[in-house]
Amino acid sequence: SWVERVSRAFDESGVDSTPTVRFADRPVHVLDRDGH
């Protein structure tokens, strides 16, 4: 049941891809243009 809640929270977060990283409420890229 917890997994279901976590999944719903992600779906409702507005984030549409993984990985996504934010620091101090600002996006930070962790991959380069080639996906590395």
ModelCIF file with pLDDT and N, C-alpha, C, O atoms, coordinates in Angstrom:
data_MODEL
#
_entry.id   MODEL 
#
_entity.id                         1 
_entity.type                       polymer 
_entity.pdbx_number_of_molecules   1 
#
_entity_poly.entity_id                      1 
_entity_poly.type                           'polypeptide(L)' 
_entity_poly.nstd_linkage                   no 
_entity_poly.nstd_monomer                   no 
_entity_poly.pdbx_seq_one_letter_code       SWVERVSRAFDESGVDSTPTVRFADRPVHVLDRDGH 
_entity_poly.pdbx_seq_one_letter_code_can   SWVERVSRAFDESGVDSTPTVRFADRPVHVLDRDGH 
_entity_poly.pdbx_strand_id                 A 
#
loop_
_entity_poly_seq.entity_id 
_entity_poly_seq.num 
_entity_poly_seq.mon_id 
_entity_poly_seq.hetero 
1 1  SER n 
1 2  TRP n 
1 3  VAL n 
1 4  GLU n 
1 5  ARG n 
1 6  VAL n 
1 7  SER n 
1 8  ARG n 
1 9  ALA n 
1 10 PHE n 
1 11 ASP n 
1 12 GLU n 
1 13 SER n 
1 14 GLY n 
1 15 VAL n 
1 16 ASP n 
1 17 SER n 
1 18 THR n 
1 19 PRO n 
1 20 THR n 
1 21 VAL n 
1 22 ARG n 
1 23 PHE n 
1 24 ALA n 
1 25 ASP n 
1 26 ARG n 
1 27 PRO n 
1 28 VAL n 
1 29 HIS n 
1 30 VAL n 
1 31 LEU n 
1 32 ASP n 
1 33 ARG n 
1 34 ASP n 
1 35 GLY n 
1 36 HIS n 
#
_struct_asym.id          A 
_struct_asym.entity_id   1 
#
loop_
_ma_qa_metric.id 
_ma_qa_metric.mode 
_ma_qa_metric.name 
_ma_qa_metric.software_group_id 
_ma_qa_metric.type 
1 global pLDDT . pLDDT 
2 local  pLDDT . pLDDT 
#
_ma_qa_metric_global.metric_id      1 
_ma_qa_metric_global.metric_value   95.69 
_ma_qa_metric_global.model_id       1 
_ma_qa_metric_global.ordinal_id     1 
#
loop_
_ma_qa_metric_local.label_asym_id 
_ma_qa_metric_local.label_comp_id 
_ma_qa_metric_local.label_seq_id 
_ma_qa_metric_local.metric_id 
_ma_qa_metric_local.metric_value 
_ma_qa_metric_local.model_id 
_ma_qa_metric_local.ordinal_id 
A SER 1  2 98.00 1 1  
A TRP 2  2 98.00 1 2  
A VAL 3  2 98.00 1 3  
A GLU 4  2 98.00 1 4  
A ARG 5  2 98.00 1 5  
A VAL 6  2 98.00 1 6  
A SER 7  2 98.00 1 7  
A ARG 8  2 98.00 1 8  
A ALA 9  2 98.00 1 9  
A PHE 10 2 98.00 1 10 
A ASP 11 2 96.00 1 11 
A GLU 12 2 97.00 1 12 
A SER 13 2 96.00 1 13 
A GLY 14 2 94.00 1 14 
A VAL 15 2 96.00 1 15 
A ASP 16 2 91.00 1 16 
A SER 17 2 94.00 1 17 
A THR 18 2 97.00 1 18 
A PRO 19 2 98.00 1 19 
A THR 20 2 98.00 1 20 
A VAL 21 2 98.00 1 21 
A ARG 22 2 97.00 1 22 
A PHE 23 2 96.00 1 23 
A ALA 24 2 87.00 1 24 
A ASP 25 2 88.00 1 25 
A ARG 26 2 94.00 1 26 
A PRO 27 2 95.00 1 27 
A VAL 28 2 96.00 1 28 
A HIS 29 2 94.00 1 29 
A VAL 30 2 97.00 1 30 
A LEU 31 2 96.00 1 31 
A ASP 32 2 94.00 1 32 
A ARG 33 2 92.00 1 33 
A ASP 34 2 94.00 1 34 
A GLY 35 2 94.00 1 35 
A HIS 36 2 96.00 1 36 
#
loop_
_atom_site.group_PDB 
_atom_site.id 
_atom_site.type_symbol 
_atom_site.label_atom_id 
_atom_site.label_alt_id 
_atom_site.label_comp_id 
_atom_site.label_asym_id 
_atom_site.label_entity_id 
_atom_site.label_seq_id 
_atom_site.pdbx_PDB_ins_code 
_atom_site.Cartn_x 
_atom_site.Cartn_y 
_atom_site.Cartn_z 
_atom_site.occupancy 
_atom_site.B_iso_or_equiv 
_atom_site.pdbx_formal_charge 
_atom_site.auth_seq_id 
_atom_site.auth_comp_id 
_atom_site.auth_asym_id 
_atom_site.auth_atom_id 
_atom_site.pdbx_PDB_model_num 
ATOM 1   N N  . SER A 1 1  ? 0.832  -1.209 0.000   1.00 98.00 ? 1  SER A N  1 
ATOM 2   C CA . SER A 1 1  ? 0.000  0.000  0.000   1.00 98.00 ? 1  SER A CA 1 
ATOM 3   C C  . SER A 1 1  ? 0.863  1.252  0.000   1.00 98.00 ? 1  SER A C  1 
ATOM 4   O O  . SER A 1 1  ? 0.527  2.249  -0.640  1.00 98.00 ? 1  SER A O  1 
ATOM 5   N N  . TRP A 1 2  ? 1.966  1.196  0.716   1.00 98.00 ? 2  TRP A N  1 
ATOM 6   C CA . TRP A 1 2  ? 2.898  2.328  0.714   1.00 98.00 ? 2  TRP A CA 1 
ATOM 7   C C  . TRP A 1 2  ? 3.462  2.567  -0.684  1.00 98.00 ? 2  TRP A C  1 
ATOM 8   O O  . TRP A 1 2  ? 3.543  3.708  -1.138  1.00 98.00 ? 2  TRP A O  1 
ATOM 9   N N  . VAL A 1 3  ? 3.846  1.496  -1.359  1.00 98.00 ? 3  VAL A N  1 
ATOM 10  C CA . VAL A 1 3  ? 4.364  1.629  -2.728  1.00 98.00 ? 3  VAL A CA 1 
ATOM 11  C C  . VAL A 1 3  ? 3.331  2.305  -3.625  1.00 98.00 ? 3  VAL A C  1 
ATOM 12  O O  . VAL A 1 3  ? 3.677  3.151  -4.449  1.00 98.00 ? 3  VAL A O  1 
ATOM 13  N N  . GLU A 1 4  ? 2.073  1.933  -3.465  1.00 98.00 ? 4  GLU A N  1 
ATOM 14  C CA . GLU A 1 4  ? 1.025  2.561  -4.272  1.00 98.00 ? 4  GLU A CA 1 
ATOM 15  C C  . GLU A 1 4  ? 0.937  4.058  -3.991  1.00 98.00 ? 4  GLU A C  1 
ATOM 16  O O  . GLU A 1 4  ? 0.764  4.852  -4.915  1.00 98.00 ? 4  GLU A O  1 
ATOM 17  N N  . ARG A 1 5  ? 1.055  4.448  -2.727  1.00 98.00 ? 5  ARG A N  1 
ATOM 18  C CA . ARG A 1 5  ? 1.012  5.866  -2.380  1.00 98.00 ? 5  ARG A CA 1 
ATOM 19  C C  . ARG A 1 5  ? 2.221  6.605  -2.939  1.00 98.00 ? 5  ARG A C  1 
ATOM 20  O O  . ARG A 1 5  ? 2.093  7.709  -3.468  1.00 98.00 ? 5  ARG A O  1 
ATOM 21  N N  . VAL A 1 6  ? 3.389  5.992  -2.819  1.00 98.00 ? 6  VAL A N  1 
ATOM 22  C CA . VAL A 1 6  ? 4.605  6.602  -3.352  1.00 98.00 ? 6  VAL A CA 1 
ATOM 23  C C  . VAL A 1 6  ? 4.477  6.796  -4.864  1.00 98.00 ? 6  VAL A C  1 
ATOM 24  O O  . VAL A 1 6  ? 4.853  7.841  -5.396  1.00 98.00 ? 6  VAL A O  1 
ATOM 25  N N  . SER A 1 7  ? 3.947  5.788  -5.547  1.00 98.00 ? 7  SER A N  1 
ATOM 26  C CA . SER A 1 7  ? 3.780  5.867  -6.999  1.00 98.00 ? 7  SER A CA 1 
ATOM 27  C C  . SER A 1 7  ? 2.821  6.978  -7.382  1.00 98.00 ? 7  SER A C  1 
ATOM 28  O O  . SER A 1 7  ? 3.088  7.736  -8.315  1.00 98.00 ? 7  SER A O  1 
ATOM 29  N N  . ARG A 1 8  ? 1.699  7.083  -6.667  1.00 98.00 ? 8  ARG A N  1 
ATOM 30  C CA . ARG A 1 8  ? 0.741  8.150  -6.958  1.00 98.00 ? 8  ARG A CA 1 
ATOM 31  C C  . ARG A 1 8  ? 1.356  9.522  -6.718  1.00 98.00 ? 8  ARG A C  1 
ATOM 32  O O  . ARG A 1 8  ? 1.140  10.450 -7.497  1.00 98.00 ? 8  ARG A O  1 
ATOM 33  N N  . ALA A 1 9  ? 2.118  9.646  -5.643  1.00 98.00 ? 9  ALA A N  1 
ATOM 34  C CA . ALA A 1 9  ? 2.755  10.929 -5.344  1.00 98.00 ? 9  ALA A CA 1 
ATOM 35  C C  . ALA A 1 9  ? 3.705  11.328 -6.465  1.00 98.00 ? 9  ALA A C  1 
ATOM 36  O O  . ALA A 1 9  ? 3.765  12.498 -6.844  1.00 98.00 ? 9  ALA A O  1 
ATOM 37  N N  . PHE A 1 10 ? 4.449  10.357 -6.998  1.00 98.00 ? 10 PHE A N  1 
ATOM 38  C CA . PHE A 1 10 ? 5.323  10.669 -8.130  1.00 98.00 ? 10 PHE A CA 1 
ATOM 39  C C  . PHE A 1 10 ? 4.495  11.110 -9.331  1.00 98.00 ? 10 PHE A C  1 
ATOM 40  O O  . PHE A 1 10 ? 4.806  12.117 -9.967  1.00 98.00 ? 10 PHE A O  1 
ATOM 41  N N  . ASP A 1 11 ? 3.451  10.364 -9.639  1.00 96.00 ? 11 ASP A N  1 
ATOM 42  C CA . ASP A 1 11 ? 2.626  10.688 -10.809 1.00 96.00 ? 11 ASP A CA 1 
ATOM 43  C C  . ASP A 1 11 ? 2.005  12.079 -10.695 1.00 96.00 ? 11 ASP A C  1 
ATOM 44  O O  . ASP A 1 11 ? 1.762  12.740 -11.705 1.00 96.00 ? 11 ASP A O  1 
ATOM 45  N N  . GLU A 1 12 ? 1.751  12.515 -9.473  1.00 97.00 ? 12 GLU A N  1 
ATOM 46  C CA . GLU A 1 12 ? 1.125  13.816 -9.253  1.00 97.00 ? 12 GLU A CA 1 
ATOM 47  C C  . GLU A 1 12 ? 2.142  14.936 -9.045  1.00 97.00 ? 12 GLU A C  1 
ATOM 48  O O  . GLU A 1 12 ? 1.761  16.088 -8.842  1.00 97.00 ? 12 GLU A O  1 
ATOM 49  N N  . SER A 1 13 ? 3.435  14.604 -9.095  1.00 96.00 ? 13 SER A N  1 
ATOM 50  C CA . SER A 1 13 ? 4.470  15.586 -8.777  1.00 96.00 ? 13 SER A CA 1 
ATOM 51  C C  . SER A 1 13 ? 4.768  16.548 -9.918  1.00 96.00 ? 13 SER A C  1 
ATOM 52  O O  . SER A 1 13 ? 5.353  17.610 -9.707  1.00 96.00 ? 13 SER A O  1 
ATOM 53  N N  . GLY A 1 14 ? 4.360  16.170 -11.134 1.00 94.00 ? 14 GLY A N  1 
ATOM 54  C CA . GLY A 1 14 ? 4.710  16.972 -12.294 1.00 94.00 ? 14 GLY A CA 1 
ATOM 55  C C  . GLY A 1 14 ? 6.028  16.570 -12.930 1.00 94.00 ? 14 GLY A C  1 
ATOM 56  O O  . GLY A 1 14 ? 6.365  17.054 -14.010 1.00 94.00 ? 14 GLY A O  1 
ATOM 57  N N  . VAL A 1 15 ? 6.776  15.695 -12.279 1.00 96.00 ? 15 VAL A N  1 
ATOM 58  C CA . VAL A 1 15 ? 8.014  15.165 -12.847 1.00 96.00 ? 15 VAL A CA 1 
ATOM 59  C C  . VAL A 1 15 ? 7.642  14.089 -13.855 1.00 96.00 ? 15 VAL A C  1 
ATOM 60  O O  . VAL A 1 15 ? 6.866  13.186 -13.541 1.00 96.00 ? 15 VAL A O  1 
ATOM 61  N N  . ASP A 1 16 ? 8.188  14.178 -15.066 1.00 91.00 ? 16 ASP A N  1 
ATOM 62  C CA . ASP A 1 16 ? 7.767  13.250 -16.115 1.00 91.00 ? 16 ASP A CA 1 
ATOM 63  C C  . ASP A 1 16 ? 8.877  12.345 -16.626 1.00 91.00 ? 16 ASP A C  1 
ATOM 64  O O  . ASP A 1 16 ? 8.680  11.634 -17.611 1.00 91.00 ? 16 ASP A O  1 
ATOM 65  N N  . SER A 1 17 ? 10.038 12.352 -15.983 1.00 94.00 ? 17 SER A N  1 
ATOM 66  C CA . SER A 1 17 ? 11.108 11.459 -16.419 1.00 94.00 ? 17 SER A CA 1 
ATOM 67  C C  . SER A 1 17 ? 12.053 11.201 -15.251 1.00 94.00 ? 17 SER A C  1 
ATOM 68  O O  . SER A 1 17 ? 12.120 11.970 -14.292 1.00 94.00 ? 17 SER A O  1 
ATOM 69  N N  . THR A 1 18 ? 12.774 10.102 -15.365 1.00 97.00 ? 18 THR A N  1 
ATOM 70  C CA . THR A 1 18 ? 13.779 9.775  -14.348 1.00 97.00 ? 18 THR A CA 1 
ATOM 71  C C  . THR A 1 18 ? 15.107 9.510  -15.037 1.00 97.00 ? 18 THR A C  1 
ATOM 72  O O  . THR A 1 18 ? 15.129 9.001  -16.158 1.00 97.00 ? 18 THR A O  1 
ATOM 73  N N  . PRO A 1 19 ? 16.217 9.849  -14.383 1.00 98.00 ? 19 PRO A N  1 
ATOM 74  C CA . PRO A 1 19 ? 16.271 10.537 -13.092 1.00 98.00 ? 19 PRO A CA 1 
ATOM 75  C C  . PRO A 1 19 ? 16.030 12.039 -13.245 1.00 98.00 ? 19 PRO A C  1 
ATOM 76  O O  . PRO A 1 19 ? 16.429 12.653 -14.235 1.00 98.00 ? 19 PRO A O  1 
ATOM 77  N N  . THR A 1 20 ? 15.378 12.604 -12.259 1.00 98.00 ? 20 THR A N  1 
ATOM 78  C CA . THR A 1 20 ? 15.254 14.046 -12.134 1.00 98.00 ? 20 THR A CA 1 
ATOM 79  C C  . THR A 1 20 ? 15.787 14.427 -10.761 1.00 98.00 ? 20 THR A C  1 
ATOM 80  O O  . THR A 1 20 ? 15.472 13.783 -9.760  1.00 98.00 ? 20 THR A O  1 
ATOM 81  N N  . VAL A 1 21 ? 16.592 15.471 -10.725 1.00 98.00 ? 21 VAL A N  1 
ATOM 82  C CA . VAL A 1 21 ? 17.208 15.900 -9.468  1.00 98.00 ? 21 VAL A CA 1 
ATOM 83  C C  . VAL A 1 21 ? 16.981 17.397 -9.294  1.00 98.00 ? 21 VAL A C  1 
ATOM 84  O O  . VAL A 1 21 ? 17.152 18.178 -10.230 1.00 98.00 ? 21 VAL A O  1 
ATOM 85  N N  . ARG A 1 22 ? 16.599 17.778 -8.092  1.00 97.00 ? 22 ARG A N  1 
ATOM 86  C CA . ARG A 1 22 ? 16.420 19.184 -7.755  1.00 97.00 ? 22 ARG A CA 1 
ATOM 87  C C  . ARG A 1 22 ? 17.188 19.480 -6.475  1.00 97.00 ? 22 ARG A C  1 
ATOM 88  O O  . ARG A 1 22 ? 17.187 18.687 -5.534  1.00 97.00 ? 22 ARG A O  1 
ATOM 89  N N  . PHE A 1 23 ? 17.843 20.635 -6.459  1.00 96.00 ? 23 PHE A N  1 
ATOM 90  C CA . PHE A 1 23 ? 18.626 21.049 -5.307  1.00 96.00 ? 23 PHE A CA 1 
ATOM 91  C C  . PHE A 1 23 ? 18.196 22.454 -4.911  1.00 96.00 ? 23 PHE A C  1 
ATOM 92  O O  . PHE A 1 23 ? 18.229 23.385 -5.715  1.00 96.00 ? 23 PHE A O  1 
ATOM 93  N N  . ALA A 1 24 ? 17.792 22.581 -3.656  1.00 87.00 ? 24 ALA A N  1 
ATOM 94  C CA . ALA A 1 24 ? 17.295 23.874 -3.184  1.00 87.00 ? 24 ALA A CA 1 
ATOM 95  C C  . ALA A 1 24 ? 16.196 24.381 -4.112  1.00 87.00 ? 24 ALA A C  1 
ATOM 96  O O  . ALA A 1 24 ? 16.129 25.566 -4.438  1.00 87.00 ? 24 ALA A O  1 
ATOM 97  N N  . ASP A 1 25 ? 15.331 23.444 -4.530  1.00 88.00 ? 25 ASP A N  1 
ATOM 98  C CA . ASP A 1 25 ? 14.167 23.738 -5.378  1.00 88.00 ? 25 ASP A CA 1 
ATOM 99  C C  . ASP A 1 25 ? 14.533 24.152 -6.799  1.00 88.00 ? 25 ASP A C  1 
ATOM 100 O O  . ASP A 1 25 ? 13.707 24.731 -7.505  1.00 88.00 ? 25 ASP A O  1 
ATOM 101 N N  . ARG A 1 26 ? 15.749 23.867 -7.224  1.00 94.00 ? 26 ARG A N  1 
ATOM 102 C CA . ARG A 1 26 ? 16.161 24.194 -8.595  1.00 94.00 ? 26 ARG A CA 1 
ATOM 103 C C  . ARG A 1 26 ? 16.675 22.932 -9.278  1.00 94.00 ? 26 ARG A C  1 
ATOM 104 O O  . ARG A 1 26 ? 17.323 22.104 -8.638  1.00 94.00 ? 26 ARG A O  1 
ATOM 105 N N  . PRO A 1 27 ? 16.389 22.771 -10.589 1.00 95.00 ? 27 PRO A N  1 
ATOM 106 C CA . PRO A 1 27 ? 16.820 21.552 -11.287 1.00 95.00 ? 27 PRO A CA 1 
ATOM 107 C C  . PRO A 1 27 ? 18.335 21.490 -11.441 1.00 95.00 ? 27 PRO A C  1 
ATOM 108 O O  . PRO A 1 27 ? 19.002 22.502 -11.657 1.00 95.00 ? 27 PRO A O  1 
ATOM 109 N N  . VAL A 1 28 ? 18.852 20.284 -11.325 1.00 96.00 ? 28 VAL A N  1 
ATOM 110 C CA . VAL A 1 28 ? 20.278 20.026 -11.518 1.00 96.00 ? 28 VAL A CA 1 
ATOM 111 C C  . VAL A 1 28 ? 20.409 18.842 -12.465 1.00 96.00 ? 28 VAL A C  1 
ATOM 112 O O  . VAL A 1 28 ? 19.867 17.770 -12.193 1.00 96.00 ? 28 VAL A O  1 
ATOM 113 N N  . HIS A 1 29 ? 21.115 19.019 -13.561 1.00 94.00 ? 29 HIS A N  1 
ATOM 114 C CA . HIS A 1 29 ? 21.325 17.917 -14.500 1.00 94.00 ? 29 HIS A CA 1 
ATOM 115 C C  . HIS A 1 29 ? 22.369 16.953 -13.940 1.00 94.00 ? 29 HIS A C  1 
ATOM 116 O O  . HIS A 1 29 ? 23.413 17.362 -13.432 1.00 94.00 ? 29 HIS A O  1 
ATOM 117 N N  . VAL A 1 30 ? 22.058 15.670 -14.048 1.00 97.00 ? 30 VAL A N  1 
ATOM 118 C CA . VAL A 1 30 ? 22.999 14.639 -13.597 1.00 97.00 ? 30 VAL A CA 1 
ATOM 119 C C  . VAL A 1 30 ? 23.495 13.789 -14.761 1.00 97.00 ? 30 VAL A C  1 
ATOM 120 O O  . VAL A 1 30 ? 24.398 12.969 -14.595 1.00 97.00 ? 30 VAL A O  1 
ATOM 121 N N  . LEU A 1 31 ? 22.907 13.984 -15.936 1.00 96.00 ? 31 LEU A N  1 
ATOM 122 C CA . LEU A 1 31 ? 23.320 13.281 -17.146 1.00 96.00 ? 31 LEU A CA 1 
ATOM 123 C C  . LEU A 1 31 ? 23.695 14.306 -18.212 1.00 96.00 ? 31 LEU A C  1 
ATOM 124 O O  . LEU A 1 31 ? 23.156 15.412 -18.239 1.00 96.00 ? 31 LEU A O  1 
ATOM 125 N N  . ASP A 1 32 ? 24.621 13.928 -19.086 1.00 94.00 ? 32 ASP A N  1 
ATOM 126 C CA . ASP A 1 32 ? 24.958 14.818 -20.192 1.00 94.00 ? 32 ASP A CA 1 
ATOM 127 C C  . ASP A 1 32 ? 24.018 14.570 -21.374 1.00 94.00 ? 32 ASP A C  1 
ATOM 128 O O  . ASP A 1 32 ? 23.082 13.779 -21.262 1.00 94.00 ? 32 ASP A O  1 
ATOM 129 N N  . ARG A 1 33 ? 24.251 15.221 -22.471 1.00 92.00 ? 33 ARG A N  1 
ATOM 130 C CA . ARG A 1 33 ? 23.344 15.119 -23.617 1.00 92.00 ? 33 ARG A CA 1 
ATOM 131 C C  . ARG A 1 33 ? 23.287 13.721 -24.206 1.00 92.00 ? 33 ARG A C  1 
ATOM 132 O O  . ARG A 1 33 ? 22.313 13.362 -24.867 1.00 92.00 ? 33 ARG A O  1 
ATOM 133 N N  . ASP A 1 34 ? 24.329 12.928 -23.968 1.00 94.00 ? 34 ASP A N  1 
ATOM 134 C CA . ASP A 1 34 ? 24.353 11.552 -24.476 1.00 94.00 ? 34 ASP A CA 1 
ATOM 135 C C  . ASP A 1 34 ? 23.804 10.548 -23.468 1.00 94.00 ? 34 ASP A C  1 
ATOM 136 O O  . ASP A 1 34 ? 23.835 9.342  -23.713 1.00 94.00 ? 34 ASP A O  1 
ATOM 137 N N  . GLY A 1 35 ? 23.306 11.034 -22.348 1.00 94.00 ? 35 GLY A N  1 
ATOM 138 C CA . GLY A 1 35 ? 22.730 10.148 -21.347 1.00 94.00 ? 35 GLY A CA 1 
ATOM 139 C C  . GLY A 1 35 ? 23.732 9.519  -20.402 1.00 94.00 ? 35 GLY A C  1 
ATOM 140 O O  . GLY A 1 35 ? 23.406 8.579  -19.677 1.00 94.00 ? 35 GLY A O  1 
ATOM 141 N N  . HIS A 1 36 ? 24.954 10.038 -20.408 1.00 96.00 ? 36 HIS A N  1 
ATOM 142 C CA . HIS A 1 36 ? 25.968 9.523  -19.482 1.00 96.00 ? 36 HIS A CA 1 
ATOM 143 C C  . HIS A 1 36 ? 26.001 10.389 -18.227 1.00 96.00 ? 36 HIS A C  1 
ATOM 144 O O  . HIS A 1 36 ? 26.787 10.128 -17.316 1.00 96.00 ? 36 HIS A O  1 
#
